[in-house]
Amino acid sequence: MGTINLSNNKNRDAVVNTESVRTPLRVRWLDEKGRQSQTVRMLRCTIDRDCDELTKQAGGLEKVADLLLKGDPEIDLEQYGRFLADTSRVYIDPDKKVVRKVQEWEVVRNVDGSERERRPRRVAIPNTSTEVPLKWTGKLMKKAEVYNKFVFAAKMQIVHVNGLTYDFLYGMAKELEAQNSLMLMGAGAKSNLPLVFHRGGVPYRGFLEGRTEGDKYCLILHLSNMELKAPEAPPAPPAAAAAEAPKPESKPEPAPAAKPAEPAPAEEPKAEKPEKPEKKKGRGKKA
């Protein structure tokens, strides 16, 4: 359980508690005696008995089988199968010795997974439970828009500590429910910094959601550190680009100008032949 300093739309702030949200088990696994089973962490092997160490002892990987046939050099009866509870992470070198001084790097990648930038990791300072409260930004986003744009990595429930903070949080949940939206939360004086809950923790974007049912309320802070972006389309190959390139429009050739009609040549007058007198047929009178 942690604490968080919030302010409402009237700039009134209060320090309240946060709890992790756990989904109740719908299916329970039982053993042969009817007892509920649970997941535990178990020690499987120690460094001095792993495959690399056995290979060094045998003088080659092909000779490890002879060691296994002669005995059980890979099992430490005092350590093997022990349950692990409180553990700490350590870094080792290629010789499997603990490294005391470690320099961590942050790798920023592009949408397609390629490396864009590599920089020394900065240790983040917590900023959610300080003297400066997380302000009511009023930047509302519809639920469908947020769910399709961001990847939620975690969520926590904000709960009251007394009667005054109950009214304080119930009013915030009621207002957010009426808007049917999630409010973007940020740290700092301008509410433009990511949320960091513990030293060296992962910075998150916060989205506050409110629900009510009668005199009950539920105020959930959704946390996201990844935004969904569609990768850019790869460039088309030259052949395909040339095939898809629009062909230049062919301009119609101008029609040739019409020539003026030439006058027909004048016909020369033909000489007409004189008509011959017709001869009358008949018998003449005799004298």
Protein backbone atom coordinates (compact mmCIF):
# COMPACT_ATOMS: atom_id res chain seq x y z
CA MET A 1 0.00 0.00 0.00
CA GLY A 2 1.29 3.43 -0.96
CA THR A 3 0.19 7.04 -0.74
CA ILE A 4 -0.64 9.66 -3.34
CA ASN A 5 -1.36 13.39 -3.10
CA LEU A 6 -4.34 14.42 -5.25
CA SER A 7 -6.26 17.63 -5.85
CA ASN A 8 -9.78 18.04 -7.26
CA ASN A 9 -11.28 20.59 -9.60
CA LYS A 10 -11.56 23.07 -6.71
CA ASN A 11 -7.80 22.89 -6.03
CA ARG A 12 -8.37 21.11 -2.72
CA ASP A 13 -5.82 18.37 -2.12
CA ALA A 14 -5.58 15.36 0.18
CA VAL A 15 -3.17 12.51 0.77
CA VAL A 16 -4.90 9.17 0.21
CA ASN A 17 -3.85 5.54 -0.13
CA THR A 18 -3.28 3.39 -3.20
CA GLU A 19 -3.81 -0.36 -3.49
CA SER A 20 -2.93 -2.81 -6.21
CA VAL A 21 -5.89 -4.18 -8.13
CA ARG A 22 -6.12 -7.96 -8.06
CA THR A 23 -8.58 -9.97 -10.12
CA PRO A 24 -10.26 -12.70 -8.07
CA LEU A 25 -9.57 -16.24 -9.18
CA ARG A 26 -12.43 -17.77 -11.13
CA VAL A 27 -10.77 -21.19 -11.41
CA ARG A 28 -9.00 -22.68 -8.42
CA TRP A 29 -6.59 -25.58 -8.73
CA LEU A 30 -6.72 -28.17 -5.95
CA ASP A 31 -4.40 -31.02 -5.11
CA GLU A 32 -5.42 -34.59 -4.34
CA LYS A 33 -6.26 -33.60 -0.76
CA GLY A 34 -8.52 -30.73 -1.78
CA ARG A 35 -6.06 -28.01 -0.83
CA GLN A 36 -5.67 -24.97 -3.06
CA SER A 37 -2.42 -24.96 -5.00
CA GLN A 38 -0.32 -21.86 -5.43
CA THR A 39 2.69 -20.74 -7.42
CA VAL A 40 6.05 -20.76 -5.63
CA ARG A 41 9.63 -20.01 -6.62
CA MET A 42 12.05 -22.88 -6.27
CA LEU A 43 15.82 -23.18 -6.57
CA ARG A 44 16.54 -25.35 -9.56
CA CYS A 45 20.32 -25.26 -9.77
CA THR A 46 23.38 -23.53 -8.37
CA ILE A 47 26.14 -21.88 -10.38
CA ASP A 48 28.82 -24.39 -9.36
CA ARG A 49 26.75 -27.29 -10.75
CA ASP A 50 25.36 -25.95 -14.01
CA CYS A 51 26.17 -27.24 -17.50
CA ASP A 52 29.17 -24.95 -18.07
CA GLU A 53 30.80 -25.98 -14.80
CA LEU A 54 30.25 -29.68 -15.48
CA THR A 55 31.77 -29.25 -18.95
CA LYS A 56 34.92 -27.78 -17.40
CA GLN A 57 35.17 -30.63 -14.89
CA ALA A 58 34.69 -33.34 -17.51
CA GLY A 59 36.98 -31.74 -20.09
CA GLY A 60 34.34 -31.51 -22.81
CA LEU A 61 30.64 -31.61 -23.39
CA GLU A 62 30.77 -35.13 -24.80
CA LYS A 63 32.23 -36.42 -21.51
CA VAL A 64 29.51 -34.97 -19.29
CA ALA A 65 27.38 -38.08 -19.84
CA ASP A 66 30.03 -40.21 -18.14
CA LEU A 67 29.87 -38.00 -15.06
CA LEU A 68 26.08 -38.29 -14.96
CA LEU A 69 26.28 -42.06 -15.20
CA LYS A 70 28.79 -42.33 -12.38
CA GLY A 71 26.85 -40.08 -9.99
CA ASP A 72 24.72 -36.98 -9.59
CA PRO A 73 27.17 -34.09 -9.86
CA GLU A 74 24.42 -31.71 -11.03
CA ILE A 75 22.40 -31.98 -7.79
CA ASP A 76 23.19 -30.26 -4.52
CA LEU A 77 21.12 -32.09 -1.94
CA GLU A 78 21.39 -29.22 0.53
CA GLN A 79 20.19 -26.50 -1.85
CA TYR A 80 18.24 -28.14 -4.66
CA GLY A 81 14.44 -27.67 -4.42
CA ARG A 82 14.53 -25.01 -1.72
CA PHE A 83 11.69 -22.50 -1.74
CA LEU A 84 12.68 -18.88 -2.43
CA ALA A 85 10.94 -16.03 -0.66
CA ASP A 86 12.87 -12.76 -0.35
CA THR A 87 15.41 -12.42 -3.13
CA SER A 88 17.50 -9.60 -4.58
CA ARG A 89 18.71 -9.10 -8.12
CA VAL A 90 22.44 -9.10 -8.76
CA TYR A 91 24.48 -8.72 -11.92
CA ILE A 92 27.24 -11.14 -12.90
CA ASP A 93 30.02 -11.03 -15.47
CA PRO A 94 30.84 -13.76 -18.06
CA ASP A 95 32.85 -15.56 -15.33
CA LYS A 96 29.67 -15.64 -13.19
CA LYS A 97 31.11 -13.41 -10.50
CA VAL A 98 29.04 -10.68 -8.88
CA VAL A 99 29.64 -7.26 -10.38
CA ARG A 100 29.82 -4.42 -7.88
CA LYS A 101 29.71 -1.40 -10.18
CA VAL A 102 27.08 -1.54 -12.92
CA GLN A 103 26.27 1.14 -15.46
CA GLU A 104 22.77 0.82 -16.84
CA TRP A 105 21.75 2.10 -20.27
CA GLU A 106 18.39 2.98 -21.69
CA VAL A 107 17.71 1.82 -25.24
CA VAL A 108 15.07 3.75 -27.19
CA ARG A 109 13.67 1.83 -30.13
CA ASN A 110 11.65 2.80 -33.17
CA VAL A 111 8.26 1.42 -34.04
CA ASP A 112 9.80 -1.39 -36.11
CA GLY A 113 12.07 -2.46 -33.21
CA SER A 114 15.32 -0.96 -34.48
CA GLU A 115 17.51 0.96 -32.03
CA ARG A 116 17.16 4.71 -32.23
CA GLU A 117 19.09 5.98 -29.21
CA ARG A 118 21.23 4.62 -26.38
CA ARG A 119 21.80 6.74 -23.27
CA PRO A 120 22.81 6.25 -19.61
CA ARG A 121 19.86 5.37 -17.44
CA ARG A 122 18.71 8.12 -15.11
CA VAL A 123 17.46 7.22 -11.65
CA ALA A 124 13.95 8.62 -11.41
CA ILE A 125 12.83 10.36 -8.22
CA PRO A 126 9.28 9.65 -6.93
CA ASN A 127 6.88 12.53 -7.47
CA THR A 128 3.40 11.23 -6.61
CA SER A 129 3.47 11.75 -2.85
CA THR A 130 5.29 15.05 -2.46
CA GLU A 131 4.27 18.49 -1.28
CA VAL A 132 3.09 19.35 -4.82
CA PRO A 133 -0.16 17.40 -5.42
CA LEU A 134 -1.20 15.86 -8.70
CA LYS A 135 -3.46 18.50 -10.12
CA TRP A 136 -6.87 18.10 -11.70
CA THR A 137 -5.82 18.69 -15.30
CA GLY A 138 -9.26 18.55 -16.89
CA LYS A 139 -7.77 16.87 -19.98
CA LEU A 140 -10.47 14.29 -20.68
CA MET A 141 -10.23 11.52 -23.25
CA LYS A 142 -12.98 9.13 -24.25
CA LYS A 143 -12.50 5.57 -23.02
CA ALA A 144 -12.61 4.03 -26.49
CA GLU A 145 -9.95 6.47 -27.68
CA VAL A 146 -7.62 5.70 -24.77
CA TYR A 147 -7.99 1.92 -25.02
CA ASN A 148 -7.14 1.96 -28.73
CA LYS A 149 -4.14 4.28 -28.36
CA PHE A 150 -2.23 3.21 -25.24
CA VAL A 151 -1.02 -0.06 -23.71
CA PHE A 152 -1.82 -0.33 -20.00
CA ALA A 153 0.95 -1.92 -17.96
CA ALA A 154 -0.60 -1.65 -14.48
CA LYS A 155 -3.40 -0.08 -12.50
CA MET A 156 -4.02 0.85 -8.89
CA GLN A 157 -7.08 1.74 -6.89
CA ILE A 158 -7.24 4.97 -4.88
CA VAL A 159 -8.99 4.57 -1.51
CA HIS A 160 -9.93 6.94 1.29
CA VAL A 161 -8.45 6.99 4.79
CA ASN A 162 -11.29 8.74 6.66
CA GLY A 163 -14.72 10.26 6.17
CA LEU A 164 -13.44 13.54 4.74
CA THR A 165 -11.36 11.86 2.07
CA TYR A 166 -14.35 9.61 1.26
CA ASP A 167 -16.42 12.64 0.22
CA PHE A 168 -13.37 14.02 -1.57
CA LEU A 169 -12.81 10.91 -3.70
CA TYR A 170 -16.50 10.17 -4.21
CA GLY A 171 -17.00 13.59 -5.80
CA MET A 172 -14.08 13.02 -8.18
CA ALA A 173 -15.40 9.60 -9.22
CA LYS A 174 -18.90 11.00 -9.74
CA GLU A 175 -17.69 13.76 -12.03
CA LEU A 176 -15.53 11.46 -14.13
CA GLU A 177 -18.37 8.98 -14.49
CA ALA A 178 -20.70 11.71 -15.75
CA GLN A 179 -18.16 12.60 -18.47
CA ASN A 180 -17.69 8.91 -19.45
CA SER A 181 -14.02 9.72 -19.94
CA LEU A 182 -10.58 9.21 -18.45
CA MET A 183 -8.53 12.16 -17.24
CA LEU A 184 -4.85 12.43 -18.09
CA MET A 185 -2.74 12.82 -14.92
CA GLY A 186 0.75 14.27 -14.69
CA ALA A 187 3.22 15.37 -12.04
CA GLY A 188 4.98 18.66 -11.54
CA ALA A 189 3.76 22.22 -11.38
CA LYS A 190 2.49 22.08 -14.98
CA SER A 191 1.27 18.45 -14.84
CA ASN A 192 3.48 17.54 -17.78
CA LEU A 193 5.83 15.04 -16.11
CA PRO A 194 5.36 11.26 -15.96
CA LEU A 195 4.35 9.58 -12.71
CA VAL A 196 7.09 7.85 -10.70
CA PHE A 197 5.96 5.96 -7.58
CA HIS A 198 9.32 4.86 -6.14
CA ARG A 199 13.00 5.66 -6.61
CA GLY A 200 14.33 4.26 -9.85
CA GLY A 201 10.85 3.19 -10.89
CA VAL A 202 9.36 3.17 -14.36
CA PRO A 203 7.77 6.48 -15.42
CA TYR A 204 4.12 6.13 -16.40
CA ARG A 205 1.33 8.14 -17.92
CA GLY A 206 -1.68 8.15 -15.63
CA PHE A 207 -5.35 7.98 -16.66
CA LEU A 208 -7.89 8.43 -13.86
CA GLU A 209 -11.24 6.63 -14.14
CA GLY A 210 -14.23 7.00 -11.82
CA ARG A 211 -17.25 4.76 -11.19
CA THR A 212 -20.07 4.97 -8.67
CA GLU A 213 -22.90 2.74 -7.53
CA GLY A 214 -25.16 4.29 -4.92
CA ASP A 215 -22.94 5.42 -2.06
CA LYS A 216 -20.03 3.29 -3.32
CA TYR A 217 -17.26 4.55 -5.56
CA CYS A 218 -14.28 3.16 -7.45
CA LEU A 219 -11.40 5.41 -8.46
CA ILE A 220 -8.82 3.63 -10.63
CA LEU A 221 -5.53 5.04 -11.89
CA HIS A 222 -4.51 3.28 -15.13
CA LEU A 223 -0.78 3.37 -15.89
CA SER A 224 0.74 3.22 -19.37
CA ASN A 225 4.31 3.46 -20.63
CA MET A 226 3.70 2.57 -24.28
CA GLU A 227 1.70 4.20 -27.04
CA LEU A 228 0.35 2.35 -30.04
CA LYS A 229 1.61 3.72 -33.35
CA ALA A 230 1.27 2.23 -36.79
CA PRO A 231 4.64 1.67 -38.51
CA GLU A 232 5.38 3.62 -41.64
CA ALA A 233 4.78 1.82 -44.91
CA PRO A 234 8.05 0.50 -46.42
CA PRO A 235 9.17 2.17 -49.66
CA ALA A 236 7.96 0.41 -52.78
CA PRO A 237 10.59 -1.33 -54.97
CA PRO A 238 11.67 0.57 -58.10
CA ALA A 239 9.81 -1.77 -60.49
CA ALA A 240 6.60 -1.53 -58.55
CA ALA A 241 7.02 2.21 -58.14
CA ALA A 242 7.45 2.60 -61.87
CA ALA A 243 4.39 0.43 -62.53
CA GLU A 244 2.27 2.37 -60.07
CA ALA A 245 3.50 5.76 -61.26
CA PRO A 246 0.72 7.60 -63.11
CA LYS A 247 1.30 7.88 -66.80
CA PRO A 248 1.57 11.40 -68.17
CA GLU A 249 -1.58 12.48 -69.87
CA SER A 250 -1.17 12.65 -73.65
CA LYS A 251 -2.24 15.98 -74.99
CA PRO A 252 -4.29 15.79 -78.19
CA GLU A 253 -2.44 17.10 -81.21
CA PRO A 254 -3.97 20.24 -82.67
CA ALA A 255 -5.93 19.60 -85.84
CA PRO A 256 -4.36 21.11 -88.97
CA ALA A 257 -5.92 24.37 -90.05
CA ALA A 258 -8.43 23.98 -92.85
CA LYS A 259 -7.21 25.35 -96.17
CA PRO A 260 -9.48 27.73 -98.04
CA ALA A 261 -11.26 26.04 -100.91
CA GLU A 262 -9.66 26.81 -104.29
CA PRO A 263 -12.01 28.14 -106.97
CA ALA A 264 -12.83 25.63 -109.67
CA PRO A 265 -11.16 26.43 -113.03
CA ALA A 266 -13.48 28.19 -115.46
CA GLU A 267 -14.55 26.03 -118.41
CA GLU A 268 -13.69 27.40 -121.81
CA PRO A 269 -16.73 27.96 -124.08
CA LYS A 270 -16.95 25.38 -126.80
CA ALA A 271 -17.69 26.49 -130.40
CA GLU A 272 -21.09 25.28 -131.42
CA LYS A 273 -21.46 23.84 -134.94
CA PRO A 274 -24.11 25.45 -137.14
CA GLU A 275 -27.12 23.29 -137.53
CA LYS A 276 -27.75 21.94 -141.06
CA PRO A 277 -31.17 22.63 -142.57
CA GLU A 278 -33.32 19.61 -142.61
CA LYS A 279 -34.19 18.26 -146.07
CA LYS A 280 -37.86 17.74 -146.70
CA LYS A 281 -38.77 14.59 -148.38
CA GLY A 282 -41.42 14.63 -151.11
CA ARG A 283 -42.04 14.17 -154.87
CA GLY A 284 -41.73 17.20 -157.05
CA LYS A 285 -44.35 18.05 -159.76
CA LYS A 286 -43.40 17.43 -163.30
CA ALA A 287 -43.62 20.33 -165.62
